[in-house]
Amino acid sequence: MNSPPAAPAPQRVEFIKAMIHYDIDVALFGVSEAQKNLISKDPQAQFALGQFGEAVKLTELAKNRTATSSVKAMRVLPSMLM
């Protein structure tokens, strides 16, 4: 006897619902609006958007380190020429 199929994982159900909603939004409002709505519900996209603050901090840190290294190099260079 065949057993009934297992229920899909909750994350899979949410993804399927989001994609159905996306298709409806495309039909009613266009691709751009549908993508905005999909991104607002996508946990991976939300995580990625949350990383921008950290990326800005790291960029500033790299800029500061580069500027500091340049200043140190300028101090060392004249003494090497003498």
C-alpha atoms as a PDB file:
ATOM      1  CA  MET A   1       0.000   0.000   0.000  1.00  0.00           C
ATOM      2  CA  ASN A   2       1.283   3.480  -0.827  1.00  0.00           C
ATOM      3  CA  SER A   3       1.674   5.958   1.971  1.00  0.00           C
ATOM      4  CA  PRO A   4       0.570   9.576   1.437  1.00  0.00           C
ATOM      5  CA  PRO A   5       3.307  11.999   0.357  1.00  0.00           C
ATOM      6  CA  ALA A   6       5.103  13.840   3.120  1.00  0.00           C
ATOM      7  CA  ALA A   7       4.086  17.433   3.730  1.00  0.00           C
ATOM      8  CA  PRO A   8       6.548  19.978   2.325  1.00  0.00           C
ATOM      9  CA  ALA A   9       8.812  21.838   4.719  1.00  0.00           C
ATOM     10  CA  PRO A  10       7.339  25.120   6.033  1.00  0.00           C
ATOM     11  CA  GLN A  11      10.060  27.125   4.265  1.00  0.00           C
ATOM     12  CA  ARG A  12       9.132  25.493   0.972  1.00  0.00           C
ATOM     13  CA  VAL A  13       5.456  26.345   1.471  1.00  0.00           C
ATOM     14  CA  GLU A  14       6.322  29.989   2.156  1.00  0.00           C
ATOM     15  CA  PHE A  15       8.491  30.096  -0.967  1.00  0.00           C
ATOM     16  CA  ILE A  16       5.690  28.651  -3.097  1.00  0.00           C
ATOM     17  CA  LYS A  17       3.234  31.207  -1.686  1.00  0.00           C
ATOM     18  CA  ALA A  18       5.661  34.033  -2.355  1.00  0.00           C
ATOM     19  CA  MET A  19       6.163  32.919  -5.967  1.00  0.00           C
ATOM     20  CA  ILE A  20       2.400  32.667  -6.549  1.00  0.00           C
ATOM     21  CA  HIS A  21       2.022  36.157  -5.088  1.00  0.00           C
ATOM     22  CA  TYR A  22       4.873  37.331  -7.352  1.00  0.00           C
ATOM     23  CA  ASP A  23       3.115  36.000 -10.467  1.00  0.00           C
ATOM     24  CA  ILE A  24      -0.104  37.747  -9.461  1.00  0.00           C
ATOM     25  CA  ASP A  25       1.769  41.002  -8.791  1.00  0.00           C
ATOM     26  CA  VAL A  26       3.466  40.810 -12.203  1.00  0.00           C
ATOM     27  CA  ALA A  27       0.075  40.439 -13.858  1.00  0.00           C
ATOM     28  CA  LEU A  28      -1.497  43.296 -11.883  1.00  0.00           C
ATOM     29  CA  PHE A  29       1.331  45.769 -11.236  1.00  0.00           C
ATOM     30  CA  GLY A  30       4.303  44.854 -13.439  1.00  0.00           C
ATOM     31  CA  VAL A  31       7.682  43.248 -12.843  1.00  0.00           C
ATOM     32  CA  SER A  32       9.251  46.135 -10.919  1.00  0.00           C
ATOM     33  CA  GLU A  33       6.554  46.247  -8.246  1.00  0.00           C
ATOM     34  CA  ALA A  34       6.415  42.452  -8.084  1.00  0.00           C
ATOM     35  CA  GLN A  35      10.177  42.301  -7.447  1.00  0.00           C
ATOM     36  CA  LYS A  36       9.897  44.886  -4.658  1.00  0.00           C
ATOM     37  CA  ASN A  37       7.206  42.825  -2.969  1.00  0.00           C
ATOM     38  CA  LEU A  38       9.136  39.570  -3.419  1.00  0.00           C
ATOM     39  CA  ILE A  39      12.328  41.019  -1.943  1.00  0.00           C
ATOM     40  CA  SER A  40      10.435  42.301   1.082  1.00  0.00           C
ATOM     41  CA  LYS A  41       9.355  38.701   1.831  1.00  0.00           C
ATOM     42  CA  ASP A  42      12.570  36.881   0.891  1.00  0.00           C
ATOM     43  CA  PRO A  43      14.620  36.037   4.013  1.00  0.00           C
ATOM     44  CA  GLN A  44      17.851  35.694   2.019  1.00  0.00           C
ATOM     45  CA  ALA A  45      17.348  39.097   0.408  1.00  0.00           C
ATOM     46  CA  GLN A  46      16.557  40.627   3.794  1.00  0.00           C
ATOM     47  CA  PHE A  47      19.737  39.144   5.247  1.00  0.00           C
ATOM     48  CA  ALA A  48      21.765  40.481   2.295  1.00  0.00           C
ATOM     49  CA  LEU A  49      20.267  43.958   2.668  1.00  0.00           C
ATOM     50  CA  GLY A  50      21.150  43.856   6.348  1.00  0.00           C
ATOM     51  CA  GLN A  51      24.815  43.322   5.457  1.00  0.00           C
ATOM     52  CA  PHE A  52      25.206  46.679   3.715  1.00  0.00           C
ATOM     53  CA  GLY A  53      25.881  48.474   6.995  1.00  0.00           C
ATOM     54  CA  GLU A  54      28.737  46.104   7.763  1.00  0.00           C
ATOM     55  CA  ALA A  55      30.067  46.507   4.227  1.00  0.00           C
ATOM     56  CA  VAL A  56      30.147  50.290   4.626  1.00  0.00           C
ATOM     57  CA  LYS A  57      32.048  49.948   7.911  1.00  0.00           C
ATOM     58  CA  LEU A  58      34.590  47.620   6.326  1.00  0.00           C
ATOM     59  CA  THR A  59      35.038  49.962   3.367  1.00  0.00           C
ATOM     60  CA  GLU A  60      35.669  52.904   5.682  1.00  0.00           C
ATOM     61  CA  LEU A  61      38.120  50.826   7.709  1.00  0.00           C
ATOM     62  CA  ALA A  62      40.016  49.886   4.543  1.00  0.00           C
ATOM     63  CA  LYS A  63      40.088  53.517   3.409  1.00  0.00           C
ATOM     64  CA  ASN A  64      41.435  54.624   6.792  1.00  0.00           C
ATOM     65  CA  ARG A  65      44.118  51.931   6.770  1.00  0.00           C
ATOM     66  CA  THR A  66      45.160  52.868   3.232  1.00  0.00           C
ATOM     67  CA  ALA A  67      45.357  56.550   4.170  1.00  0.00           C
ATOM     68  CA  THR A  68      47.395  55.733   7.279  1.00  0.00           C
ATOM     69  CA  SER A  69      49.758  53.526   5.260  1.00  0.00           C
ATOM     70  CA  SER A  70      50.224  56.290   2.686  1.00  0.00           C
ATOM     71  CA  VAL A  71      51.123  58.807   5.390  1.00  0.00           C
ATOM     72  CA  LYS A  72      53.632  56.384   6.931  1.00  0.00           C
ATOM     73  CA  ALA A  73      55.165  55.719   3.517  1.00  0.00           C
ATOM     74  CA  MET A  74      55.571  59.452   2.924  1.00  0.00           C
ATOM     75  CA  ARG A  75      57.458  59.740   6.217  1.00  0.00           C
ATOM     76  CA  VAL A  76      59.765  56.829   5.434  1.00  0.00           C
ATOM     77  CA  LEU A  77      60.479  57.738   1.816  1.00  0.00           C
ATOM     78  CA  PRO A  78      62.470  60.962   2.456  1.00  0.00           C
ATOM     79  CA  SER A  79      64.703  59.227   4.998  1.00  0.00           C
ATOM     80  CA  MET A  80      65.456  56.484   2.462  1.00  0.00           C
ATOM     81  CA  LEU A  81      66.594  59.036  -0.108  1.00  0.00           C
ATOM     82  CA  MET A  82      69.243  60.557   2.127  1.00  0.00           C
END
